[in-house]
PDB file of N, CA and C in Angstrom:
ATOM      1  N   MET A   1      50.235-107.741 154.874  1.00  0.00           N
ATOM      2  CA  MET A   1      49.810-106.644 154.029  1.00  0.00           C
ATOM      3  C   MET A   1      48.734-107.144 153.059  1.00  0.00           C
ATOM      4  N   ARG A   2      47.721-106.357 152.832  1.00  0.00           N
ATOM      5  CA  ARG A   2      46.633-106.735 151.914  1.00  0.00           C
ATOM      6  C   ARG A   2      47.121-106.743 150.476  1.00  0.00           C
ATOM      7  N   ALA A   3      46.515-107.624 149.653  1.00  0.00           N
ATOM      8  CA  ALA A   3      46.902-107.749 148.245  1.00  0.00           C
ATOM      9  C   ALA A   3      46.736-106.427 147.497  1.00  0.00           C
ATOM     10  N   ALA A   4      45.696-105.663 147.817  1.00  0.00           N
ATOM     11  CA  ALA A   4      45.457-104.393 147.121  1.00  0.00           C
ATOM     12  C   ALA A   4      46.606-103.415 147.342  1.00  0.00           C
ATOM     13  N   GLU A   5      47.327-103.555 148.446  1.00  0.00           N
ATOM     14  CA  GLU A   5      48.455-102.671 148.732  1.00  0.00           C
ATOM     15  C   GLU A   5      49.732-103.154 148.059  1.00  0.00           C
ATOM     16  N   GLN A   6      49.828-104.454 147.753  1.00  0.00           N
ATOM     17  CA  GLN A   6      51.032-105.030 147.158  1.00  0.00           C
ATOM     18  C   GLN A   6      50.973-105.072 145.639  1.00  0.00           C
ATOM     19  N   ASN A   7      49.798-105.249 145.063  1.00  0.00           N
ATOM     20  CA  ASN A   7      49.670-105.471 143.629  1.00  0.00           C
ATOM     21  C   ASN A   7      49.835-104.188 142.831  1.00  0.00           C
ATOM     22  N   GLU A   8      50.084-104.368 141.545  1.00  0.00           N
ATOM     23  CA  GLU A   8      50.274-103.236 140.641  1.00  0.00           C
ATOM     24  C   GLU A   8      49.018-102.368 140.611  1.00  0.00           C
ATOM     25  N   ARG A   9      49.223-101.087 140.450  1.00  0.00           N
ATOM     26  CA  ARG A   9      48.109-100.147 140.294  1.00  0.00           C
ATOM     27  C   ARG A   9      48.481 -99.105 139.253  1.00  0.00           C
ATOM     28  N   GLN A  10      47.477 -98.638 138.559  1.00  0.00           N
ATOM     29  CA  GLN A  10      47.635 -97.608 137.543  1.00  0.00           C
ATOM     30  C   GLN A  10      46.610 -96.512 137.829  1.00  0.00           C
ATOM     31  N   TYR A  11      46.975 -95.299 137.502  1.00  0.00           N
ATOM     32  CA  TYR A  11      46.047 -94.175 137.627  1.00  0.00           C
ATOM     33  C   TYR A  11      45.897 -93.546 136.248  1.00  0.00           C
ATOM     34  N   ILE A  12      44.661 -93.349 135.828  1.00  0.00           N
ATOM     35  CA  ILE A  12      44.385 -92.716 134.541  1.00  0.00           C
ATOM     36  C   ILE A  12      43.522 -91.488 134.811  1.00  0.00           C
ATOM     37  N   GLY A  13      44.060 -90.328 134.492  1.00  0.00           N
ATOM     38  CA  GLY A  13      43.320 -89.079 134.634  1.00  0.00           C
ATOM     39  C   GLY A  13      42.765 -88.667 133.284  1.00  0.00           C
ATOM     40  N   ILE A  14      41.525 -88.241 133.272  1.00  0.00           N
ATOM     41  CA  ILE A  14      40.872 -87.820 132.038  1.00  0.00           C
ATOM     42  C   ILE A  14      40.300 -86.424 132.238  1.00  0.00           C
ATOM     43  N   LYS A  15      40.625 -85.538 131.293  1.00  0.00           N
ATOM     44  CA  LYS A  15      40.079 -84.184 131.327  1.00  0.00           C
ATOM     45  C   LYS A  15      38.906 -84.149 130.359  1.00  0.00           C
ATOM     46  N   ALA A  16      37.693 -84.106 130.905  1.00  0.00           N
ATOM     47  CA  ALA A  16      36.475 -84.071 130.088  1.00  0.00           C
ATOM     48  C   ALA A  16      35.962 -82.637 130.010  1.00  0.00           C
ATOM     49  N   GLY A  17      35.073 -82.374 129.070  1.00  0.00           N
ATOM     50  CA  GLY A  17      34.502 -81.043 128.921  1.00  0.00           C
ATOM     51  C   GLY A  17      33.727 -80.585 130.143  1.00  0.00           C
ATOM     52  N   TRP A  18      33.203 -81.512 130.926  1.00  0.00           N
ATOM     53  CA  TRP A  18      32.405 -81.172 132.100  1.00  0.00           C
ATOM     54  C   TRP A  18      33.203 -81.241 133.392  1.00  0.00           C
ATOM     55  N   GLY A  19      34.484 -81.659 133.326  1.00  0.00           N
ATOM     56  CA  GLY A  19      35.328 -81.708 134.515  1.00  0.00           C
ATOM     57  C   GLY A  19      36.279 -82.890 134.477  1.00  0.00           C
ATOM     58  N   PRO A  20      37.172 -82.958 135.453  1.00  0.00           N
ATOM     59  CA  PRO A  20      38.158 -84.040 135.478  1.00  0.00           C
ATOM     60  C   PRO A  20      37.600 -85.312 136.119  1.00  0.00           C
ATOM     61  N   LEU A  21      38.186 -86.448 135.749  1.00  0.00           N
ATOM     62  CA  LEU A  21      37.883 -87.690 136.451  1.00  0.00           C
ATOM     63  C   LEU A  21      39.152 -88.504 136.545  1.00  0.00           C
ATOM     64  N   LEU A  22      39.204 -89.387 137.518  1.00  0.00           N
ATOM     65  CA  LEU A  22      40.386 -90.203 137.768  1.00  0.00           C
ATOM     66  C   LEU A  22      39.960 -91.650 137.953  1.00  0.00           C
ATOM     67  N   LEU A  23      40.644 -92.558 137.269  1.00  0.00           N
ATOM     68  CA  LEU A  23      40.434 -93.992 137.447  1.00  0.00           C
ATOM     69  C   LEU A  23      41.638 -94.535 138.200  1.00  0.00           C
ATOM     70  N   ALA A  24      41.392 -95.205 139.306  1.00  0.00           N
ATOM     71  CA  ALA A  24      42.446 -95.901 140.042  1.00  0.00           C
ATOM     72  C   ALA A  24      42.213 -97.388 139.790  1.00  0.00           C
ATOM     73  N   ILE A  25      43.121 -98.040 139.080  1.00  0.00           N
ATOM     74  CA  ILE A  25      42.963 -99.430 138.674  1.00  0.00           C
ATOM     75  C   ILE A  25      43.939-100.264 139.494  1.00  0.00           C
ATOM     76  N   ILE A  26      43.414-101.249 140.239  1.00  0.00           N
ATOM     77  CA  ILE A  26      44.228-102.050 141.152  1.00  0.00           C
ATOM     78  C   ILE A  26      44.105-103.515 140.768  1.00  0.00           C
ATOM     79  N   ALA A  27      45.229-104.146 140.488  1.00  0.00           N
ATOM     80  CA  ALA A  27      45.238-105.560 140.100  1.00  0.00           C
ATOM     81  C   ALA A  27      44.776-106.420 141.272  1.00  0.00           C
ATOM     82  N   GLY A  28      44.031-107.470 140.969  1.00  0.00           N
ATOM     83  CA  GLY A  28      43.528-108.382 141.987  1.00  0.00           C
ATOM     84  C   GLY A  28      44.597-109.352 142.461  1.00  0.00           C
ATOM     85  N   PRO A  29      44.277-110.160 143.477  1.00  0.00           N
ATOM     86  CA  PRO A  29      45.262-111.075 144.061  1.00  0.00           C
ATOM     87  C   PRO A  29      45.748-112.151 143.085  1.00  0.00           C
ATOM     88  N   LEU A  30      44.947-112.508 142.095  1.00  0.00           N
ATOM     89  CA  LEU A  30      45.376-113.507 141.118  1.00  0.00           C
ATOM     90  C   LEU A  30      46.045-112.864 139.907  1.00  0.00           C
ATOM     91  N   ALA A  31      45.573-111.703 139.497  1.00  0.00           N
ATOM     92  CA  ALA A  31      46.101-111.051 138.292  1.00  0.00           C
ATOM     93  C   ALA A  31      47.485-110.452 138.548  1.00  0.00           C
ATOM     94  N   ARG A  32      47.602-109.686 139.600  1.00  0.00           N
ATOM     95  CA  ARG A  32      48.827-109.012 140.025  1.00  0.00           C
ATOM     96  C   ARG A  32      49.431-108.050 139.011  1.00  0.00           C
ATOM     97  N   ARG A  33      49.041-108.118 137.751  1.00  0.00           N
ATOM     98  CA  ARG A  33      49.540-107.208 136.718  1.00  0.00           C
ATOM     99  C   ARG A  33      48.375-106.632 135.935  1.00  0.00           C
ATOM    100  N   LEU A  34      48.575-105.430 135.382  1.00  0.00           N
ATOM    101  CA  LEU A  34      47.561-104.766 134.576  1.00  0.00           C
ATOM    102  C   LEU A  34      48.088-104.572 133.165  1.00  0.00           C
ATOM    103  N   ASP A  35      47.183-104.496 132.213  1.00  0.00           N
ATOM    104  CA  ASP A  35      47.547-104.282 130.815  1.00  0.00           C
ATOM    105  C   ASP A  35      46.792-103.060 130.313  1.00  0.00           C
ATOM    106  N   CYS A  36      47.360-101.872 130.550  1.00  0.00           N
ATOM    107  CA  CYS A  36      46.701-100.632 130.136  1.00  0.00           C
ATOM    108  C   CYS A  36      47.081-100.282 128.704  1.00  0.00           C
ATOM    109  N   GLN A  37      46.078 -99.868 127.928  1.00  0.00           N
ATOM    110  CA  GLN A  37      46.292 -99.562 126.522  1.00  0.00           C
ATOM    111  C   GLN A  37      46.401 -98.070 126.229  1.00  0.00           C
ATOM    112  N   VAL A  38      46.299 -97.220 127.228  1.00  0.00           N
ATOM    113  CA  VAL A  38      46.415 -95.783 127.007  1.00  0.00           C
ATOM    114  C   VAL A  38      47.731 -95.276 127.590  1.00  0.00           C
ATOM    115  N   ARG A  39      48.226 -94.224 126.996  1.00  0.00           N
ATOM    116  CA  ARG A  39      49.468 -93.601 127.440  1.00  0.00           C
ATOM    117  C   ARG A  39      49.230 -92.109 127.653  1.00  0.00           C
ATOM    118  N   LEU A  40      50.132 -91.476 128.323  1.00  0.00           N
ATOM    119  CA  LEU A  40      50.041 -90.050 128.590  1.00  0.00           C
ATOM    120  C   LEU A  40      49.836 -89.275 127.293  1.00  0.00           C
ATOM    121  N   GLY A  41      48.819 -88.424 127.261  1.00  0.00           N
ATOM    122  CA  GLY A  41      48.534 -87.595 126.105  1.00  0.00           C
ATOM    123  C   GLY A  41      47.553 -88.198 125.116  1.00  0.00           C
ATOM    124  N   ASP A  42      47.200 -89.492 125.271  1.00  0.00           N
ATOM    125  CA  ASP A  42      46.226 -90.113 124.367  1.00  0.00           C
ATOM    126  C   ASP A  42      44.859 -89.460 124.532  1.00  0.00           C
ATOM    127  N   ARG A  43      44.112 -89.385 123.433  1.00  0.00           N
ATOM    128  CA  ARG A  43      42.714 -88.939 123.484  1.00  0.00           C
ATOM    129  C   ARG A  43      41.848 -90.182 123.559  1.00  0.00           C
ATOM    130  N   VAL A  44      40.847 -90.152 124.408  1.00  0.00           N
ATOM    131  CA  VAL A  44      39.931 -91.287 124.525  1.00  0.00           C
ATOM    132  C   VAL A  44      38.512 -90.812 124.253  1.00  0.00           C
ATOM    133  N   VAL A  45      37.684 -91.724 123.792  1.00  0.00           N
ATOM    134  CA  VAL A  45      36.275 -91.420 123.531  1.00  0.00           C
ATOM    135  C   VAL A  45      35.428 -92.315 124.423  1.00  0.00           C
ATOM    136  N   ALA A  46      34.171 -91.953 124.597  1.00  0.00           N
ATOM    137  CA  ALA A  46      33.254 -92.752 125.409  1.00  0.00           C
ATOM    138  C   ALA A  46      33.221 -94.172 124.877  1.00  0.00           C
ATOM    139  N   GLY A  47      33.338 -95.132 125.765  1.00  0.00           N
ATOM    140  CA  GLY A  47      33.294 -96.534 125.397  1.00  0.00           C
ATOM    141  C   GLY A  47      34.640 -97.124 125.023  1.00  0.00           C
ATOM    142  N   ALA A  48      35.695 -96.319 124.993  1.00  0.00           N
ATOM    143  CA  ALA A  48      37.024 -96.816 124.634  1.00  0.00           C
ATOM    144  C   ALA A  48      37.555 -97.750 125.718  1.00  0.00           C
ATOM    145  N   ARG A  49      38.282 -98.762 125.311  1.00  0.00           N
ATOM    146  CA  ARG A  49      38.918 -99.688 126.257  1.00  0.00           C
ATOM    147  C   ARG A  49      40.210 -99.038 126.742  1.00  0.00           C
ATOM    148  N   LEU A  50      40.332 -98.890 128.051  1.00  0.00           N
ATOM    149  CA  LEU A  50      41.500 -98.236 128.630  1.00  0.00           C
ATOM    150  C   LEU A  50      42.494 -99.227 129.207  1.00  0.00           C
ATOM    151  N   CYS A  51      41.975-100.294 129.809  1.00  0.00           N
ATOM    152  CA  CYS A  51      42.828-101.231 130.517  1.00  0.00           C
ATOM    153  C   CYS A  51      42.090-102.555 130.682  1.00  0.00           C
ATOM    154  N   LYS A  52      42.807-103.656 130.580  1.00  0.00           N
ATOM    155  CA  LYS A  52      42.201-104.961 130.854  1.00  0.00           C
ATOM    156  C   LYS A  52      42.254-105.197 132.355  1.00  0.00           C
ATOM    157  N   VAL A  53      41.097-105.457 132.941  1.00  0.00           N
ATOM    158  CA  VAL A  53      40.986-105.657 134.380  1.00  0.00           C
ATOM    159  C   VAL A  53      40.340-107.018 134.591  1.00  0.00           C
ATOM    160  N   ARG A  54      41.036-107.929 135.274  1.00  0.00           N
ATOM    161  CA  ARG A  54      40.501-109.283 135.413  1.00  0.00           C
ATOM    162  C   ARG A  54      40.907-109.916 136.734  1.00  0.00           C
ATOM    163  N   PHE A  55      40.325-111.063 137.018  1.00  0.00           N
ATOM    164  CA  PHE A  55      40.650-111.892 138.186  1.00  0.00           C
ATOM    165  C   PHE A  55      40.594-111.127 139.505  1.00  0.00           C
ATOM    166  N   GLY A  56      39.466-110.486 139.751  1.00  0.00           N
ATOM    167  CA  GLY A  56      39.272-109.821 141.035  1.00  0.00           C
ATOM    168  C   GLY A  56      39.882-108.442 141.130  1.00  0.00           C
ATOM    169  N   SER A  57      40.377-107.919 140.015  1.00  0.00           N
ATOM    170  CA  SER A  57      40.918-106.556 140.022  1.00  0.00           C
ATOM    171  C   SER A  57      39.773-105.574 140.202  1.00  0.00           C
ATOM    172  N   ARG A  58      40.110-104.348 140.540  1.00  0.00           N
ATOM    173  CA  ARG A  58      39.038-103.370 140.745  1.00  0.00           C
ATOM    174  C   ARG A  58      39.419-102.027 140.152  1.00  0.00           C
ATOM    175  N   VAL A  59      38.395-101.241 139.887  1.00  0.00           N
ATOM    176  CA  VAL A  59      38.582 -99.886 139.370  1.00  0.00           C
ATOM    177  C   VAL A  59      37.781 -98.945 140.253  1.00  0.00           C
ATOM    178  N   ASP A  60      38.445 -97.943 140.784  1.00  0.00           N
ATOM    179  CA  ASP A  60      37.770 -96.890 141.542  1.00  0.00           C
ATOM    180  C   ASP A  60      37.661 -95.679 140.627  1.00  0.00           C
ATOM    181  N   LEU A  61      36.462 -95.123 140.515  1.00  0.00           N
ATOM    182  CA  LEU A  61      36.220 -93.952 139.685  1.00  0.00           C
ATOM    183  C   LEU A  61      35.999 -92.754 140.595  1.00  0.00           C
ATOM    184  N   LEU A  62      36.839 -91.738 140.442  1.00  0.00           N
ATOM    185  CA  LEU A  62      36.710 -90.531 141.244  1.00  0.00           C
ATOM    186  C   LEU A  62      36.352 -89.385 140.307  1.00  0.00           C
ATOM    187  N   LEU A  63      35.246 -88.687 140.624  1.00  0.00           N
ATOM    188  CA  LEU A  63      34.802 -87.569 139.800  1.00  0.00           C
ATOM    189  C   LEU A  63      34.097 -86.542 140.662  1.00  0.00           C
ATOM    190  N   PRO A  64      33.955 -85.306 140.140  1.00  0.00           N
ATOM    191  CA  PRO A  64      33.313 -84.257 140.926  1.00  0.00           C
ATOM    192  C   PRO A  64      31.859 -84.626 141.243  1.00  0.00           C
ATOM    193  N   ARG A  65      31.499 -84.601 142.500  1.00  0.00           N
ATOM    194  CA  ARG A  65      30.163 -84.998 142.937  1.00  0.00           C
ATOM    195  C   ARG A  65      29.069 -84.148 142.306  1.00  0.00           C
ATOM    196  N   ASP A  66      29.313 -82.867 142.134  1.00  0.00           N
ATOM    197  CA  ASP A  66      28.262 -81.981 141.623  1.00  0.00           C
ATOM    198  C   ASP A  66      28.183 -81.966 140.090  1.00  0.00           C
ATOM    199  N   ALA A  67      29.040 -82.707 139.397  1.00  0.00           N
ATOM    200  CA  ALA A  67      29.046 -82.701 137.934  1.00  0.00           C
ATOM    201  C   ALA A  67      28.209 -83.829 137.335  1.00  0.00           C
ATOM    202  N   VAL A  68      27.871 -84.829 138.148  1.00  0.00           N
ATOM    203  CA  VAL A  68      27.189 -86.015 137.624  1.00  0.00           C
ATOM    204  C   VAL A  68      26.012 -86.380 138.528  1.00  0.00           C
ATOM    205  N   GLU A  69      24.874 -86.753 137.914  1.00  0.00           N
ATOM    206  CA  GLU A  69      23.683 -87.208 138.651  1.00  0.00           C
ATOM    207  C   GLU A  69      23.461 -88.687 138.365  1.00  0.00           C
ATOM    208  N   GLY A  70      22.690 -89.334 139.232  1.00  0.00           N
ATOM    209  CA  GLY A  70      22.322 -90.729 139.021  1.00  0.00           C
ATOM    210  C   GLY A  70      23.445 -91.694 139.316  1.00  0.00           C
ATOM    211  N   LEU A  71      24.333 -91.313 140.235  1.00  0.00           N
ATOM    212  CA  LEU A  71      25.453 -92.191 140.578  1.00  0.00           C
ATOM    213  C   LEU A  71      24.967 -93.408 141.356  1.00  0.00           C
ATOM    214  N   PRO A  72      25.621 -94.560 141.179  1.00  0.00           N
ATOM    215  CA  PRO A  72      25.260 -95.740 141.965  1.00  0.00           C
ATOM    216  C   PRO A  72      25.645 -95.540 143.425  1.00  0.00           C
ATOM    217  N   GLU A  73      25.062 -96.321 144.293  1.00  0.00           N
ATOM    218  CA  GLU A  73      25.400 -96.263 145.715  1.00  0.00           C
ATOM    219  C   GLU A  73      26.804 -96.830 145.938  1.00  0.00           C
ATOM    220  N   VAL A  74      27.455 -96.383 147.001  1.00  0.00           N
ATOM    221  CA  VAL A  74      28.775 -96.906 147.349  1.00  0.00           C
ATOM    222  C   VAL A  74      28.663 -98.415 147.548  1.00  0.00           C
ATOM    223  N   GLY A  75      29.577 -99.160 146.939  1.00  0.00           N
ATOM    224  CA  GLY A  75      29.589-100.613 147.064  1.00  0.00           C
ATOM    225  C   GLY A  75      28.870-101.343 145.947  1.00  0.00           C
ATOM    226  N   ASN A  76      28.063-100.621 145.129  1.00  0.00           N
ATOM    227  CA  ASN A  76      27.397-101.280 144.001  1.00  0.00           C
ATOM    228  C   ASN A  76      28.436-101.729 142.983  1.00  0.00           C
ATOM    229  N   ARG A  77      28.146-102.824 142.307  1.00  0.00           N
ATOM    230  CA  ARG A  77      29.049-103.324 141.266  1.00  0.00           C
ATOM    231  C   ARG A  77      28.575-102.840 139.908  1.00  0.00           C
ATOM    232  N   SER A  78      29.527-102.697 139.015  1.00  0.00           N
ATOM    233  CA  SER A  78      29.193-102.293 137.646  1.00  0.00           C
ATOM    234  C   SER A  78      29.926-103.214 136.681  1.00  0.00           C
ATOM    235  N   ARG A  79      29.462-103.208 135.463  1.00  0.00           N
ATOM    236  CA  ARG A  79      30.059-104.058 134.434  1.00  0.00           C
ATOM    237  C   ARG A  79      30.567-103.156 133.308  1.00  0.00           C
ATOM    238  N   ALA A  80      31.838-103.330 132.945  1.00  0.00           N
ATOM    239  CA  ALA A  80      32.469-102.492 131.923  1.00  0.00           C
ATOM    240  C   ALA A  80      31.695-102.560 130.616  1.00  0.00           C
ATOM    241  N   GLY A  81      31.407-101.401 130.066  1.00  0.00           N
ATOM    242  CA  GLY A  81      30.720-101.321 128.793  1.00  0.00           C
ATOM    243  C   GLY A  81      29.228-101.564 128.860  1.00  0.00           C
ATOM    244  N   ALA A  82      28.706-101.887 130.051  1.00  0.00           N
ATOM    245  CA  ALA A  82      27.282-102.205 130.172  1.00  0.00           C
ATOM    246  C   ALA A  82      26.561-101.338 131.211  1.00  0.00           C
ATOM    247  N   THR A  83      27.241-100.960 132.277  1.00  0.00           N
ATOM    248  CA  THR A  83      26.609-100.210 133.357  1.00  0.00           C
ATOM    249  C   THR A  83      26.823 -98.718 133.165  1.00  0.00           C
ATOM    250  N   ARG A  84      25.735 -97.980 133.137  1.00  0.00           N
ATOM    251  CA  ARG A  84      25.832 -96.516 133.047  1.00  0.00           C
ATOM    252  C   ARG A  84      26.116 -95.981 134.444  1.00  0.00           C
ATOM    253  N   ILE A  85      27.145 -95.173 134.551  1.00  0.00           N
ATOM    254  CA  ILE A  85      27.560 -94.645 135.861  1.00  0.00           C
ATOM    255  C   ILE A  85      26.685 -93.470 136.287  1.00  0.00           C
ATOM    256  N   GLY A  86      26.288 -92.636 135.375  1.00  0.00           N
ATOM    257  CA  GLY A  86      25.474 -91.472 135.673  1.00  0.00           C
ATOM    258  C   GLY A  86      25.367 -90.611 134.428  1.00  0.00           C
ATOM    259  N   HIS A  87      24.851 -89.416 134.593  1.00  0.00           N
ATOM    260  CA  HIS A  87      24.787 -88.491 133.463  1.00  0.00           C
ATOM    261  C   HIS A  87      25.207 -87.104 133.932  1.00  0.00           C
ATOM    262  N   VAL A  88      25.773 -86.355 133.016  1.00  0.00           N
ATOM    263  CA  VAL A  88      26.344 -85.044 133.324  1.00  0.00           C
ATOM    264  C   VAL A  88      25.216 -84.063 133.636  1.00  0.00           C
ATOM    265  N   VAL A  89      25.432 -83.272 134.674  1.00  0.00           N
ATOM    266  CA  VAL A  89      24.486 -82.227 135.058  1.00  0.00           C
ATOM    267  C   VAL A  89      24.656 -81.050 134.099  1.00  0.00           C
ATOM    268  N   PRO A  90      23.554 -80.577 133.490  1.00  0.00           N
ATOM    269  CA  PRO A  90      23.666 -79.420 132.590  1.00  0.00           C
ATOM    270  C   PRO A  90      24.179 -78.199 133.350  1.00  0.00           C
ATOM    271  N   LEU A  91      25.031 -77.424 132.690  1.00  0.00           N
ATOM    272  CA  LEU A  91      25.592 -76.217 133.331  1.00  0.00           C
ATOM    273  C   LEU A  91      24.582 -75.115 133.421  1.00  0.00           C
TER     274      LEU A  91
END
């Protein structure tokens, strides 16, 4: 079985003014555990730290395709707090 299937995972859903988004956080083969700082019902702001992700862990970001422009290509890497994912499409 692959490590991504065995290791801890967390899901964080966020309801934004422009639509919903979901973060799927999967611990890497060395980390095996996650340290999430948000709980159900917490309010978060742009740039807030949600979870410590290290040692090969990964985060999948799922959001409505038509709500955001300038998305990176599938497989591109990003850096937390430094890489802009895209910008909201005006309604």
